[in-house]
């Protein structure tokens, strides 16, 4: 495994991030524990989750699965850089209650204590804002975070799904308060097929020293060899990937992508991850394996070197927006 610093911090994290969103809804607890053990054995030390994972009536279930794994001992907690998130309403669906969501000081205090209990730990390494809260001022948010840092409940703070201007606003207000390190990471939608983050989010993250953590690196499976799997009678596309393939232009684009990688003898899913590892500002993509086999495929991407010819071909199939502001200005 290869490691890098998380943004401008001294924290060393693996260049692959283990995403746990499938733990509970699609992968049972025993298999989830096996995947986490395998990830740790492979050197992955950065685990990502969120308080709402488990979804529906099972919100919080994923954190509980991770907590039970920590409770097995074996220095599991000490070896892991643990990241979770706050924003979503944790009340049962249809039973939402005021102040049980978003980023008010009240909900942050309530949510972090609940996550710590489910995770069976006394601190969270990276506490992430899952979404922008347009009603809560950053002065209030940072005051709440400062208290949690002083209490030793969290160490660092990150954002997720923030636009570039909110990254700037959050960190400028943090700097003005003094003693607050501000955001150190941004978790955003970014992959070969979805490169809009290059316009503002990634430049802002680089300017303020945030590590970029791309989520959905295979774009819902679209970049994982989906057409080849259909032809070979494997798992058919579903969700976002199926919707995208219904568009003939996108299907032709994905076919060109798979043909290019077949020519170079590279697996599509591994190439998509390896491409992200070449991008400026990227700490590491989140991989969310449902099975041990999917984890093995992701691990191979860390060692995969993409040739200049292949990188050029990928840019031709999936052209990015270009540098900002030139992409939309003169």
Foldseek 3Di string as FASTA:
>chain_A
DDWDDFFPDPDIFDQEEAEALCDQVQADLVQSLVLLVVCVVLPGAEYEEEQQRNHAPGRNVSLLSQLVSVVVPPCNVVSHQAEYEFFDAPDHVVPGDPPRGGQALSNVVVVLVVSCVSNVHQAHEEYEYAEDDPPDDLVRNQVSVVVCVVVRHYHAYAYEPDWQVVQVRQCVVQVVVPPGLTHAAYEYADWLQDFPCQAHVQVSCNVSRGAYEYEPLCVQVLQQCQVVCVVVVHDHRDDPNVVQCVDVVSVVLSVLQVVLCVVVVHGRVLVGQLVQVPDPRHRHYHDHDSGSVSVVSNSVSVVDDDDPVSVVSSCVSRPHQDHPPVSPDD
